[in-house]
Amino acid sequence: MLLYNVTVQIDRAVEADWLDWMQATHIPDVLATGCFLSGELFRLIDGQEDHATYAVQYRCRDMETLRRYQEIFAPDLQAAHRQRYEGRFAAFRSLLEEVI
């Protein structure tokens, strides 16, 4: 099992809109690709004043499925996020393998 993690720092000024959009649109759209078994959203407790940090975690069965997501679906989904919040966020992705 793989955990595909997207960490996002979002400006406080658009945080509420971003949260609504992530929960109502983006995460459901990612899950609708059929590439992930689940998706969860976590807020990092860090106390930053100018931005909030979130981790979106998606569970994926195997590397082949993740590669299919990255090649077929990710470009358009990431572009929609970028267009909506351009200049208001920073993001990085990491991949973790379940050990136990």
Protein backbone atom coordinates (compact mmCIF):
# COMPACT_ATOMS: atom_id res chain seq x y z
CA MET A 1 0.00 0.00 0.00
CA LEU A 2 1.22 3.50 -0.85
CA LEU A 3 0.41 6.83 0.73
CA TYR A 4 0.53 9.76 -1.70
CA ASN A 5 0.88 12.91 0.39
CA VAL A 6 0.40 16.46 -0.88
CA THR A 7 1.46 19.15 1.59
CA VAL A 8 0.03 22.59 0.87
CA GLN A 9 0.76 25.95 2.49
CA ILE A 10 -2.18 28.23 1.73
CA ASP A 11 -2.51 31.96 2.42
CA ARG A 12 -4.82 32.68 5.33
CA ALA A 13 -6.78 35.15 3.16
CA VAL A 14 -8.05 32.29 0.95
CA GLU A 15 -7.92 29.45 3.46
CA ALA A 16 -11.70 29.15 4.01
CA ASP A 17 -12.39 29.16 0.26
CA TRP A 18 -9.60 26.64 -0.33
CA LEU A 19 -10.94 24.29 2.36
CA ASP A 20 -14.45 24.44 0.90
CA TRP A 21 -13.14 23.84 -2.62
CA MET A 22 -10.88 20.97 -1.54
CA GLN A 23 -13.68 19.20 0.32
CA ALA A 24 -16.48 19.83 -2.19
CA THR A 25 -14.57 19.63 -5.47
CA HIS A 26 -10.89 18.72 -5.59
CA ILE A 27 -10.67 15.70 -3.29
CA PRO A 28 -13.88 14.18 -4.74
CA ASP A 29 -12.48 14.74 -8.26
CA VAL A 30 -9.22 12.99 -7.33
CA LEU A 31 -11.10 10.07 -5.79
CA ALA A 32 -13.40 9.86 -8.84
CA THR A 33 -10.36 8.88 -10.94
CA GLY A 34 -10.58 5.45 -9.30
CA CYS A 35 -6.86 5.48 -8.58
CA PHE A 36 -7.14 5.91 -4.83
CA LEU A 37 -8.88 3.94 -2.11
CA SER A 38 -9.36 6.92 0.20
CA GLY A 39 -8.46 10.55 0.77
CA GLU A 40 -8.03 12.46 4.00
CA LEU A 41 -7.27 16.07 4.82
CA PHE A 42 -5.20 17.11 7.84
CA ARG A 43 -4.26 20.54 9.19
CA LEU A 44 -0.74 20.99 10.53
CA ILE A 45 -0.71 22.62 13.94
CA ASP A 46 2.16 25.06 13.48
CA GLY A 47 0.91 28.49 14.52
CA GLN A 48 1.99 30.39 11.36
CA GLU A 49 0.17 33.70 11.00
CA ASP A 50 0.44 34.29 7.25
CA HIS A 51 -0.39 30.78 6.04
CA ALA A 52 -1.92 27.50 7.07
CA THR A 53 -0.41 24.12 6.24
CA TYR A 54 -2.44 21.07 5.25
CA ALA A 55 -1.60 17.52 4.24
CA VAL A 56 -3.89 15.70 1.83
CA GLN A 57 -3.25 11.98 1.96
CA TYR A 58 -4.47 9.48 -0.61
CA ARG A 59 -4.11 5.70 -0.27
CA CYS A 60 -3.14 3.85 -3.42
CA ARG A 61 -2.89 0.11 -4.02
CA ASP A 62 0.34 0.05 -6.04
CA MET A 63 2.90 2.04 -8.04
CA GLU A 64 1.32 1.19 -11.40
CA THR A 65 -1.95 2.80 -10.31
CA LEU A 66 -0.16 5.87 -8.98
CA ARG A 67 1.74 6.26 -12.25
CA ARG A 68 -1.54 6.04 -14.17
CA TYR A 69 -2.95 8.82 -11.97
CA GLN A 70 0.15 10.98 -12.46
CA GLU A 71 0.17 10.55 -16.24
CA ILE A 72 -3.55 10.71 -17.05
CA PHE A 73 -5.31 12.70 -14.33
CA ALA A 74 -2.85 14.75 -12.26
CA PRO A 75 -1.92 17.36 -14.89
CA ASP A 76 -5.50 18.67 -15.26
CA LEU A 77 -6.33 18.41 -11.55
CA GLN A 78 -3.16 20.24 -10.55
CA ALA A 79 -3.75 22.89 -13.23
CA ALA A 80 -7.23 23.58 -11.84
CA HIS A 81 -5.74 24.09 -8.36
CA ARG A 82 -2.95 26.28 -9.70
CA GLN A 83 -5.36 28.47 -11.72
CA ARG A 84 -7.68 28.96 -8.76
CA TYR A 85 -4.98 29.77 -6.17
CA GLU A 86 -2.03 31.03 -8.24
CA GLY A 87 0.46 32.89 -6.06
CA ARG A 88 -1.47 31.98 -2.90
CA PHE A 89 -0.01 28.56 -2.15
CA ALA A 90 3.08 26.36 -2.15
CA ALA A 91 2.87 22.59 -2.45
CA PHE A 92 5.09 19.54 -2.47
CA ARG A 93 4.35 15.87 -2.88
CA SER A 94 5.82 12.81 -1.19
CA LEU A 95 5.25 9.12 -1.50
CA LEU A 96 5.35 6.74 1.44
CA GLU A 97 5.24 2.97 1.44
CA GLU A 98 3.30 1.16 4.15
CA VAL A 99 5.60 -1.09 6.15
CA ILE A 100 3.26 -2.57 8.76
